[in-house]
């Protein structure tokens, strides 16, 4: 029983770390793109749209595992 709980907790921890790393990666990509868009003169509306599309992709990846 205890061994099974330990395995389950370990798997959940691994899933949590994977999800967190994807989130950090997404934030980095958004921030990096926002910086490059500002330097290239891309307007705010385009930037927001691209950020939303990236967030949708992230959510899909999180749900699919």
PDB file of N, CA and C in Angstrom:
ATOM      1  N   UNK A   1       0.829  -1.199   0.000  1.00  0.00           N
ATOM      2  CA  UNK A   1       0.000   0.000   0.000  1.00  0.00           C
ATOM      3  C   UNK A   1       0.864   1.251   0.000  1.00  0.00           C
ATOM      4  N   UNK A   2       1.810   1.303   0.925  1.00  0.00           N
ATOM      5  CA  UNK A   2       2.657   2.487   1.043  1.00  0.00           C
ATOM      6  C   UNK A   2       3.501   2.683  -0.213  1.00  0.00           C
ATOM      7  N   UNK A   3       3.978   1.572  -0.777  1.00  0.00           N
ATOM      8  CA  UNK A   3       4.792   1.639  -1.987  1.00  0.00           C
ATOM      9  C   UNK A   3       3.980   2.199  -3.160  1.00  0.00           C
ATOM     10  N   UNK A   4       2.718   1.785  -3.261  1.00  0.00           N
ATOM     11  CA  UNK A   4       1.838   2.285  -4.318  1.00  0.00           C
ATOM     12  C   UNK A   4       1.578   3.772  -4.184  1.00  0.00           C
ATOM     13  N   UNK A   5       1.373   4.235  -2.959  1.00  0.00           N
ATOM     14  CA  UNK A   5       1.161   5.665  -2.725  1.00  0.00           C
ATOM     15  C   UNK A   5       2.411   6.467  -3.074  1.00  0.00           C
ATOM     16  N   UNK A   6       3.569   5.900  -2.740  1.00  0.00           N
ATOM     17  CA  UNK A   6       4.832   6.574  -3.051  1.00  0.00           C
ATOM     18  C   UNK A   6       5.002   6.714  -4.563  1.00  0.00           C
ATOM     19  N   UNK A   7       4.668   5.647  -5.293  1.00  0.00           N
ATOM     20  CA  UNK A   7       4.772   5.674  -6.753  1.00  0.00           C
ATOM     21  C   UNK A   7       3.810   6.705  -7.345  1.00  0.00           C
ATOM     22  N   UNK A   8       2.581   6.744  -6.827  1.00  0.00           N
ATOM     23  CA  UNK A   8       1.589   7.701  -7.305  1.00  0.00           C
ATOM     24  C   UNK A   8       2.043   9.129  -7.032  1.00  0.00           C
ATOM     25  N   UNK A   9       2.550   9.370  -5.838  1.00  0.00           N
ATOM     26  CA  UNK A   9       3.040  10.706  -5.492  1.00  0.00           C
ATOM     27  C   UNK A   9       4.214  11.098  -6.378  1.00  0.00           C
ATOM     28  N   UNK A  10       5.095  10.150  -6.655  1.00  0.00           N
ATOM     29  CA  UNK A  10       6.243  10.423  -7.523  1.00  0.00           C
ATOM     30  C   UNK A  10       5.787  10.782  -8.927  1.00  0.00           C
ATOM     31  N   UNK A  11       4.787  10.058  -9.441  1.00  0.00           N
ATOM     32  CA  UNK A  11       4.282  10.332 -10.789  1.00  0.00           C
ATOM     33  C   UNK A  11       3.619  11.700 -10.838  1.00  0.00           C
ATOM     34  N   UNK A  12       2.836  12.025  -9.818  1.00  0.00           N
ATOM     35  CA  UNK A  12       2.178  13.335  -9.793  1.00  0.00           C
ATOM     36  C   UNK A  12       3.209  14.451  -9.717  1.00  0.00           C
ATOM     37  N   UNK A  13       4.258  14.232  -8.946  1.00  0.00           N
ATOM     38  CA  UNK A  13       5.327  15.225  -8.826  1.00  0.00           C
ATOM     39  C   UNK A  13       6.009  15.408 -10.182  1.00  0.00           C
ATOM     40  N   UNK A  14       6.261  14.304 -10.881  1.00  0.00           N
ATOM     41  CA  UNK A  14       6.888  14.375 -12.205  1.00  0.00           C
ATOM     42  C   UNK A  14       5.981  15.119 -13.186  1.00  0.00           C
ATOM     43  N   UNK A  15       4.678  14.837 -13.127  1.00  0.00           N
ATOM     44  CA  UNK A  15       3.723  15.538 -13.994  1.00  0.00           C
ATOM     45  C   UNK A  15       3.709  17.027 -13.690  1.00  0.00           C
ATOM     46  N   UNK A  16       3.754  17.357 -12.406  1.00  0.00           N
ATOM     47  CA  UNK A  16       3.745  18.757 -11.983  1.00  0.00           C
ATOM     48  C   UNK A  16       4.986  19.485 -12.502  1.00  0.00           C
ATOM     49  N   UNK A  17       6.133  18.842 -12.376  1.00  0.00           N
ATOM     50  CA  UNK A  17       7.380  19.456 -12.849  1.00  0.00           C
ATOM     51  C   UNK A  17       7.335  19.657 -14.363  1.00  0.00           C
ATOM     52  N   UNK A  18       6.821  18.666 -15.082  1.00  0.00           N
ATOM     53  CA  UNK A  18       6.741  18.776 -16.539  1.00  0.00           C
ATOM     54  C   UNK A  18       5.814  19.924 -16.939  1.00  0.00           C
ATOM     55  N   UNK A  19       4.658  20.022 -16.294  1.00  0.00           N
ATOM     56  CA  UNK A  19       3.719  21.093 -16.596  1.00  0.00           C
ATOM     57  C   UNK A  19       4.326  22.453 -16.271  1.00  0.00           C
ATOM     58  N   UNK A  20       5.007  22.549 -15.131  1.00  0.00           N
ATOM     59  CA  UNK A  20       5.633  23.803 -14.733  1.00  0.00           C
ATOM     60  C   UNK A  20       6.714  24.210 -15.732  1.00  0.00           C
ATOM     61  N   UNK A  21       7.503  23.251 -16.187  1.00  0.00           N
ATOM     62  CA  UNK A  21       8.574  23.582 -17.133  1.00  0.00           C
ATOM     63  C   UNK A  21       7.997  24.068 -18.455  1.00  0.00           C
ATOM     64  N   UNK A  22       6.872  23.489 -18.885  1.00  0.00           N
ATOM     65  CA  UNK A  22       6.221  23.966 -20.109  1.00  0.00           C
ATOM     66  C   UNK A  22       5.699  25.383 -19.912  1.00  0.00           C
ATOM     67  N   UNK A  23       5.152  25.662 -18.726  1.00  0.00           N
ATOM     68  CA  UNK A  23       4.640  26.996 -18.428  1.00  0.00           C
ATOM     69  C   UNK A  23       5.766  28.027 -18.445  1.00  0.00           C
ATOM     70  N   UNK A  24       6.897  27.689 -17.817  1.00  0.00           N
ATOM     71  CA  UNK A  24       8.042  28.601 -17.792  1.00  0.00           C
ATOM     72  C   UNK A  24       8.549  28.827 -19.209  1.00  0.00           C
ATOM     73  N   UNK A  25       8.605  27.758 -19.990  1.00  0.00           N
ATOM     74  CA  UNK A  25       9.051  27.866 -21.377  1.00  0.00           C
ATOM     75  C   UNK A  25       8.111  28.771 -22.169  1.00  0.00           C
ATOM     76  N   UNK A  26       6.806  28.616 -21.954  1.00  0.00           N
ATOM     77  CA  UNK A  26       5.825  29.455 -22.638  1.00  0.00           C
ATOM     78  C   UNK A  26       6.012  30.916 -22.263  1.00  0.00           C
ATOM     79  N   UNK A  27       6.173  31.187 -20.964  1.00  0.00           N
ATOM     80  CA  UNK A  27       6.377  32.568 -20.526  1.00  0.00           C
ATOM     81  C   UNK A  27       7.632  33.159 -21.137  1.00  0.00           C
ATOM     82  N   UNK A  28       8.701  32.372 -21.195  1.00  0.00           N
ATOM     83  CA  UNK A  28       9.944  32.853 -21.785  1.00  0.00           C
ATOM     84  C   UNK A  28       9.734  33.193 -23.254  1.00  0.00           C
ATOM     85  N   UNK A  29       9.048  32.299 -23.980  1.00  0.00           N
ATOM     86  CA  UNK A  29       8.823  32.550 -25.409  1.00  0.00           C
ATOM     87  C   UNK A  29       7.964  33.789 -25.621  1.00  0.00           C
ATOM     88  N   UNK A  30       6.922  33.963 -24.793  1.00  0.00           N
ATOM     89  CA  UNK A  30       6.074  35.151 -24.926  1.00  0.00           C
ATOM     90  C   UNK A  30       6.887  36.403 -24.644  1.00  0.00           C
ATOM     91  N   UNK A  31       7.644  36.402 -23.554  1.00  0.00           N
ATOM     92  CA  UNK A  31       8.436  37.576 -23.200  1.00  0.00           C
ATOM     93  C   UNK A  31       9.460  37.875 -24.286  1.00  0.00           C
ATOM     94  N   UNK A  32      10.132  36.836 -24.773  1.00  0.00           N
ATOM     95  CA  UNK A  32      11.149  37.017 -25.808  1.00  0.00           C
ATOM     96  C   UNK A  32      10.513  37.586 -27.075  1.00  0.00           C
ATOM     97  N   UNK A  33       9.357  37.050 -27.437  1.00  0.00           N
ATOM     98  CA  UNK A  33       8.677  37.547 -28.642  1.00  0.00           C
ATOM     99  C   UNK A  33       8.159  38.961 -28.440  1.00  0.00           C
ATOM    100  N   UNK A  34       7.647  39.252 -27.247  1.00  0.00           N
ATOM    101  CA  UNK A  34       7.186  40.620 -26.990  1.00  0.00           C
ATOM    102  C   UNK A  34       8.333  41.602 -27.159  1.00  0.00           C
ATOM    103  N   UNK A  35       9.498  41.245 -26.655  1.00  0.00           N
ATOM    104  CA  UNK A  35      10.666  42.114 -26.771  1.00  0.00           C
ATOM    105  C   UNK A  35      11.053  42.297 -28.231  1.00  0.00           C
ATOM    106  N   UNK A  36      11.069  41.204 -28.980  1.00  0.00           N
ATOM    107  CA  UNK A  36      11.467  41.310 -30.386  1.00  0.00           C
ATOM    108  C   UNK A  36      10.401  42.033 -31.197  1.00  0.00           C
ATOM    109  N   UNK A  37       9.119  41.853 -30.840  1.00  0.00           N
ATOM    110  CA  UNK A  37       8.061  42.568 -31.544  1.00  0.00           C
ATOM    111  C   UNK A  37       8.174  44.067 -31.302  1.00  0.00           C
ATOM    112  N   UNK A  38       8.450  44.438 -30.066  1.00  0.00           N
ATOM    113  CA  UNK A  38       8.589  45.860 -29.742  1.00  0.00           C
ATOM    114  C   UNK A  38       9.749  46.462 -30.528  1.00  0.00           C
ATOM    115  N   UNK A  39      10.827  45.721 -30.639  1.00  0.00           N
ATOM    116  CA  UNK A  39      11.994  46.208 -31.381  1.00  0.00           C
ATOM    117  C   UNK A  39      11.684  46.330 -32.870  1.00  0.00           C
ATOM    118  N   UNK A  40      10.799  45.456 -33.368  1.00  0.00           N
ATOM    119  CA  UNK A  40      10.465  45.465 -34.798  1.00  0.00           C
ATOM    120  C   UNK A  40       9.240  46.311 -35.113  1.00  0.00           C
ATOM    121  N   UNK A  41       8.625  46.902 -34.098  1.00  0.00           N
ATOM    122  CA  UNK A  41       7.481  47.778 -34.323  1.00  0.00           C
ATOM    123  C   UNK A  41       6.168  47.061 -34.574  1.00  0.00           C
ATOM    124  N   UNK A  42       6.048  45.818 -34.150  1.00  0.00           N
ATOM    125  CA  UNK A  42       4.788  45.087 -34.304  1.00  0.00           C
ATOM    126  C   UNK A  42       3.782  45.663 -33.314  1.00  0.00           C
ATOM    127  N   UNK A  43       2.543  45.833 -33.754  1.00  0.00           N
ATOM    128  CA  UNK A  43       1.570  46.489 -32.870  1.00  0.00           C
ATOM    129  C   UNK A  43       1.078  45.561 -31.761  1.00  0.00           C
ATOM    130  N   UNK A  44       0.470  46.145 -30.761  1.00  0.00           N
ATOM    131  CA  UNK A  44       0.032  45.425 -29.565  1.00  0.00           C
ATOM    132  C   UNK A  44      -1.027  44.379 -29.882  1.00  0.00           C
ATOM    133  N   UNK A  45      -1.922  44.680 -30.806  1.00  0.00           N
ATOM    134  CA  UNK A  45      -2.987  43.733 -31.147  1.00  0.00           C
ATOM    135  C   UNK A  45      -2.399  42.431 -31.704  1.00  0.00           C
ATOM    136  N   UNK A  46      -1.432  42.535 -32.595  1.00  0.00           N
ATOM    137  CA  UNK A  46      -0.783  41.337 -33.135  1.00  0.00           C
ATOM    138  C   UNK A  46      -0.076  40.558 -32.034  1.00  0.00           C
ATOM    139  N   UNK A  47       0.588  41.279 -31.149  1.00  0.00           N
ATOM    140  CA  UNK A  47       1.312  40.646 -30.050  1.00  0.00           C
ATOM    141  C   UNK A  47       0.358  39.866 -29.154  1.00  0.00           C
ATOM    142  N   UNK A  48      -0.784  40.457 -28.822  1.00  0.00           N
ATOM    143  CA  UNK A  48      -1.770  39.788 -27.966  1.00  0.00           C
ATOM    144  C   UNK A  48      -2.338  38.550 -28.654  1.00  0.00           C
ATOM    145  N   UNK A  49      -2.613  38.660 -29.945  1.00  0.00           N
ATOM    146  CA  UNK A  49      -3.149  37.521 -30.684  1.00  0.00           C
ATOM    147  C   UNK A  49      -2.156  36.363 -30.687  1.00  0.00           C
ATOM    148  N   UNK A  50      -0.907  36.651 -30.943  1.00  0.00           N
ATOM    149  CA  UNK A  50       0.113  35.596 -30.955  1.00  0.00           C
ATOM    150  C   UNK A  50       0.254  34.975 -29.569  1.00  0.00           C
ATOM    151  N   UNK A  51       0.209  35.790 -28.528  1.00  0.00           N
ATOM    152  CA  UNK A  51       0.298  35.270 -27.158  1.00  0.00           C
ATOM    153  C   UNK A  51      -0.877  34.353 -26.845  1.00  0.00           C
ATOM    154  N   UNK A  52      -2.075  34.725 -27.301  1.00  0.00           N
ATOM    155  CA  UNK A  52      -3.250  33.889 -27.073  1.00  0.00           C
ATOM    156  C   UNK A  52      -3.123  32.554 -27.797  1.00  0.00           C
ATOM    157  N   UNK A  53      -2.628  32.584 -29.021  1.00  0.00           N
ATOM    158  CA  UNK A  53      -2.445  31.344 -29.778  1.00  0.00           C
ATOM    159  C   UNK A  53      -1.431  30.431 -29.100  1.00  0.00           C
ATOM    160  N   UNK A  54      -0.368  31.016 -28.566  1.00  0.00           N
ATOM    161  CA  UNK A  54       0.635  30.220 -27.861  1.00  0.00           C
ATOM    162  C   UNK A  54       0.045  29.623 -26.587  1.00  0.00           C
ATOM    163  N   UNK A  55      -0.815  30.381 -25.897  1.00  0.00           N
ATOM    164  CA  UNK A  55      -1.446  29.884 -24.673  1.00  0.00           C
ATOM    165  C   UNK A  55      -2.376  28.714 -24.990  1.00  0.00           C
ATOM    166  N   UNK A  56      -3.106  28.797 -26.095  1.00  0.00           N
ATOM    167  CA  UNK A  56      -3.989  27.699 -26.501  1.00  0.00           C
ATOM    168  C   UNK A  56      -3.169  26.447 -26.773  1.00  0.00           C
ATOM    169  N   UNK A  57      -2.046  26.602 -27.464  1.00  0.00           N
ATOM    170  CA  UNK A  57      -1.173  25.457 -27.747  1.00  0.00           C
ATOM    171  C   UNK A  57      -0.643  24.855 -26.451  1.00  0.00           C
ATOM    172  N   UNK A  58      -0.266  25.706 -25.504  1.00  0.00           N
ATOM    173  CA  UNK A  58       0.222  25.225 -24.214  1.00  0.00           C
ATOM    174  C   UNK A  58      -0.862  24.437 -23.484  1.00  0.00           C
ATOM    175  N   UNK A  59      -2.088  24.965 -23.472  1.00  0.00           N
ATOM    176  CA  UNK A  59      -3.186  24.281 -22.786  1.00  0.00           C
ATOM    177  C   UNK A  59      -3.474  22.927 -23.424  1.00  0.00           C
ATOM    178  N   UNK A  60      -3.412  22.859 -24.744  1.00  0.00           N
ATOM    179  CA  UNK A  60      -3.623  21.588 -25.435  1.00  0.00           C
ATOM    180  C   UNK A  60      -2.559  20.574 -25.045  1.00  0.00           C
ATOM    181  N   UNK A  61      -1.312  21.015 -25.016  1.00  0.00           N
ATOM    182  CA  UNK A  61      -0.219  20.116 -24.634  1.00  0.00           C
ATOM    183  C   UNK A  61      -0.396  19.632 -23.202  1.00  0.00           C
ATOM    184  N   UNK A  62      -0.839  20.514 -22.319  1.00  0.00           N
ATOM    185  CA  UNK A  62      -1.023  20.146 -20.916  1.00  0.00           C
ATOM    186  C   UNK A  62      -2.130  19.100 -20.770  1.00  0.00           C
ATOM    187  N   UNK A  63      -3.205  19.242 -21.548  1.00  0.00           N
ATOM    188  CA  UNK A  63      -4.315  18.296 -21.463  1.00  0.00           C
ATOM    189  C   UNK A  63      -3.967  16.948 -22.085  1.00  0.00           C
ATOM    190  N   UNK A  64      -3.197  16.979 -23.165  1.00  0.00           N
ATOM    191  CA  UNK A  64      -2.835  15.740 -23.848  1.00  0.00           C
ATOM    192  C   UNK A  64      -1.742  14.979 -23.113  1.00  0.00           C
ATOM    193  N   UNK A  65      -1.009  15.709 -22.266  1.00  0.00           N
ATOM    194  CA  UNK A  65       0.040  15.068 -21.471  1.00  0.00           C
ATOM    195  C   UNK A  65       1.237  14.886 -22.279  1.00  0.00           C
TER     196      UNK A  65
END
